[in-house]
Amino acid sequence: MIVLIVELAWLTPAAVRSFRYSVSPDGIHTSAGVIFRRENFVPMQQILIVERRQGPILRSFGLVKVRFRVPGSFIDIDGVTDDAFAVLQREVRSAHAPDDHG
């Protein structure tokens, strides 16, 4: 019972606060975890599909889940605003656009 209280009161909120993502022209970097740290880097060229997912709870907060599909796997980013989703989608689209100089 004490473990459950610690997890609900401290660990889960801390894990949510510890999640970070950043977008660069090369790809998307995510990091998460309080006790065990997890980091991912997804090259832009490997992203096949950018999905917008939203259930009733996220919708009530005006948030979405973004799922990046890559060969054989996927990366999720939870709790993103609609505006941030549009930016992420635009970044991936521009990374896949043909180069005007070639």
C-alpha atoms as a PDB file:
ATOM      1  CA  MET A   1       0.000   0.000   0.000  1.00  0.00           C
ATOM      2  CA  ILE A   2       2.846   2.405   0.799  1.00  0.00           C
ATOM      3  CA  VAL A   3       4.473   1.669  -2.561  1.00  0.00           C
ATOM      4  CA  LEU A   4       1.216   2.516  -4.329  1.00  0.00           C
ATOM      5  CA  ILE A   5       0.913   5.819  -2.467  1.00  0.00           C
ATOM      6  CA  VAL A   6       4.526   6.744  -3.262  1.00  0.00           C
ATOM      7  CA  GLU A   7       4.013   5.868  -6.920  1.00  0.00           C
ATOM      8  CA  LEU A   8       0.781   7.829  -7.273  1.00  0.00           C
ATOM      9  CA  ALA A   9       1.853  10.825  -5.214  1.00  0.00           C
ATOM     10  CA  TRP A  10       5.465  11.236  -6.316  1.00  0.00           C
ATOM     11  CA  LEU A  11       6.746   8.884  -9.000  1.00  0.00           C
ATOM     12  CA  THR A  12       4.025   9.241 -11.644  1.00  0.00           C
ATOM     13  CA  PRO A  13       3.896  13.068 -11.535  1.00  0.00           C
ATOM     14  CA  ALA A  14       7.707  13.191 -11.527  1.00  0.00           C
ATOM     15  CA  ALA A  15       7.841  10.890 -14.564  1.00  0.00           C
ATOM     16  CA  VAL A  16       5.400  13.105 -16.426  1.00  0.00           C
ATOM     17  CA  ARG A  17       7.427  16.211 -15.577  1.00  0.00           C
ATOM     18  CA  SER A  18      10.687  14.521 -16.601  1.00  0.00           C
ATOM     19  CA  PHE A  19       9.546  13.842 -20.186  1.00  0.00           C
ATOM     20  CA  ARG A  20      11.229  16.092 -22.741  1.00  0.00           C
ATOM     21  CA  TYR A  21      11.391  16.233 -26.504  1.00  0.00           C
ATOM     22  CA  SER A  22      13.179  18.440 -28.982  1.00  0.00           C
ATOM     23  CA  VAL A  23      13.058  18.749 -32.741  1.00  0.00           C
ATOM     24  CA  SER A  24      16.049  19.466 -34.941  1.00  0.00           C
ATOM     25  CA  PRO A  25      16.485  19.295 -38.720  1.00  0.00           C
ATOM     26  CA  ASP A  26      18.162  15.897 -38.207  1.00  0.00           C
ATOM     27  CA  GLY A  27      15.472  14.270 -36.070  1.00  0.00           C
ATOM     28  CA  ILE A  28      13.483  14.100 -32.868  1.00  0.00           C
ATOM     29  CA  HIS A  29      15.117  13.470 -29.501  1.00  0.00           C
ATOM     30  CA  THR A  30      13.069  12.270 -26.515  1.00  0.00           C
ATOM     31  CA  SER A  31      14.094  11.618 -22.940  1.00  0.00           C
ATOM     32  CA  ALA A  32      12.064  10.354 -19.997  1.00  0.00           C
ATOM     33  CA  GLY A  33      12.400   8.660 -16.659  1.00  0.00           C
ATOM     34  CA  VAL A  34      12.978   9.468 -13.032  1.00  0.00           C
ATOM     35  CA  ILE A  35      14.866   6.440 -11.761  1.00  0.00           C
ATOM     36  CA  PHE A  36      15.764   4.799 -15.065  1.00  0.00           C
ATOM     37  CA  ARG A  37      16.469   7.320 -17.829  1.00  0.00           C
ATOM     38  CA  ARG A  38      15.411   6.491 -21.389  1.00  0.00           C
ATOM     39  CA  GLU A  39      16.578   8.469 -24.405  1.00  0.00           C
ATOM     40  CA  ASN A  40      15.600   8.046 -28.048  1.00  0.00           C
ATOM     41  CA  PHE A  41      16.671   9.739 -31.243  1.00  0.00           C
ATOM     42  CA  VAL A  42      14.617   9.246 -34.378  1.00  0.00           C
ATOM     43  CA  PRO A  43      16.171  10.500 -37.622  1.00  0.00           C
ATOM     44  CA  MET A  44      13.680  12.538 -39.648  1.00  0.00           C
ATOM     45  CA  GLN A  45      14.272  10.422 -42.743  1.00  0.00           C
ATOM     46  CA  GLN A  46      13.117   7.271 -40.899  1.00  0.00           C
ATOM     47  CA  ILE A  47       9.749   8.711 -39.856  1.00  0.00           C
ATOM     48  CA  LEU A  48       7.102   7.198 -42.117  1.00  0.00           C
ATOM     49  CA  ILE A  49       3.861   8.486 -40.585  1.00  0.00           C
ATOM     50  CA  VAL A  50       2.945  11.153 -38.040  1.00  0.00           C
ATOM     51  CA  GLU A  51      -0.316  10.258 -36.281  1.00  0.00           C
ATOM     52  CA  ARG A  52      -2.521  12.411 -34.068  1.00  0.00           C
ATOM     53  CA  ARG A  53      -4.322  10.403 -31.376  1.00  0.00           C
ATOM     54  CA  GLN A  54      -6.805  11.819 -28.917  1.00  0.00           C
ATOM     55  CA  GLY A  55      -9.157  10.144 -26.466  1.00  0.00           C
ATOM     56  CA  PRO A  56     -11.748  11.784 -24.232  1.00  0.00           C
ATOM     57  CA  ILE A  57      -9.315  12.575 -21.398  1.00  0.00           C
ATOM     58  CA  LEU A  58      -6.687  14.243 -23.595  1.00  0.00           C
ATOM     59  CA  ARG A  59      -9.451  16.033 -25.517  1.00  0.00           C
ATOM     60  CA  SER A  60     -10.823  17.492 -22.277  1.00  0.00           C
ATOM     61  CA  PHE A  61      -7.406  19.082 -21.658  1.00  0.00           C
ATOM     62  CA  GLY A  62      -6.944  20.173 -25.276  1.00  0.00           C
ATOM     63  CA  LEU A  63      -4.008  17.795 -25.761  1.00  0.00           C
ATOM     64  CA  VAL A  64      -3.092  15.049 -28.232  1.00  0.00           C
ATOM     65  CA  LYS A  65      -0.730  12.073 -28.405  1.00  0.00           C
ATOM     66  CA  VAL A  66       1.680  12.148 -31.334  1.00  0.00           C
ATOM     67  CA  ARG A  67       2.834   8.793 -32.701  1.00  0.00           C
ATOM     68  CA  PHE A  68       5.793   8.676 -35.075  1.00  0.00           C
ATOM     69  CA  ARG A  69       5.854   5.433 -37.045  1.00  0.00           C
ATOM     70  CA  VAL A  70       9.311   4.279 -38.043  1.00  0.00           C
ATOM     71  CA  PRO A  71      10.327   0.968 -39.665  1.00  0.00           C
ATOM     72  CA  GLY A  72       9.462  -1.775 -37.190  1.00  0.00           C
ATOM     73  CA  SER A  73       8.489   0.496 -34.301  1.00  0.00           C
ATOM     74  CA  PHE A  74       6.957   3.758 -33.143  1.00  0.00           C
ATOM     75  CA  ILE A  75       7.702   6.620 -30.763  1.00  0.00           C
ATOM     76  CA  ASP A  76       4.935   8.338 -28.766  1.00  0.00           C
ATOM     77  CA  ILE A  77       4.890  11.841 -27.377  1.00  0.00           C
ATOM     78  CA  ASP A  78       1.995  12.380 -24.968  1.00  0.00           C
ATOM     79  CA  GLY A  79       0.359  15.608 -23.918  1.00  0.00           C
ATOM     80  CA  VAL A  80       1.165  17.795 -26.913  1.00  0.00           C
ATOM     81  CA  THR A  81      -0.945  20.811 -27.873  1.00  0.00           C
ATOM     82  CA  ASP A  82      -2.584  21.015 -31.303  1.00  0.00           C
ATOM     83  CA  ASP A  83      -0.166  23.790 -32.262  1.00  0.00           C
ATOM     84  CA  ALA A  84       2.864  21.711 -31.255  1.00  0.00           C
ATOM     85  CA  PHE A  85       1.471  18.772 -33.254  1.00  0.00           C
ATOM     86  CA  ALA A  86       1.188  20.990 -36.341  1.00  0.00           C
ATOM     87  CA  VAL A  87       4.819  22.107 -35.886  1.00  0.00           C
ATOM     88  CA  LEU A  88       6.030  18.504 -35.516  1.00  0.00           C
ATOM     89  CA  GLN A  89       4.094  17.438 -38.593  1.00  0.00           C
ATOM     90  CA  ARG A  90       5.439  20.377 -40.602  1.00  0.00           C
ATOM     91  CA  GLU A  91       9.039  19.603 -39.540  1.00  0.00           C
ATOM     92  CA  VAL A  92       8.736  15.974 -40.650  1.00  0.00           C
ATOM     93  CA  ARG A  93       7.074  16.987 -43.911  1.00  0.00           C
ATOM     94  CA  SER A  94       9.804  19.516 -44.707  1.00  0.00           C
ATOM     95  CA  ALA A  95      12.512  16.937 -43.941  1.00  0.00           C
ATOM     96  CA  HIS A  96      10.969  14.637 -46.542  1.00  0.00           C
ATOM     97  CA  ALA A  97      10.419  17.352 -49.141  1.00  0.00           C
ATOM     98  CA  PRO A  98      12.617  17.213 -52.232  1.00  0.00           C
ATOM     99  CA  ASP A  99      15.599  19.537 -52.097  1.00  0.00           C
ATOM    100  CA  ASP A 100      15.112  22.581 -54.350  1.00  0.00           C
ATOM    101  CA  HIS A 101      18.844  22.745 -55.053  1.00  0.00           C
ATOM    102  CA  GLY A 102      19.258  19.283 -56.489  1.00  0.00           C
END
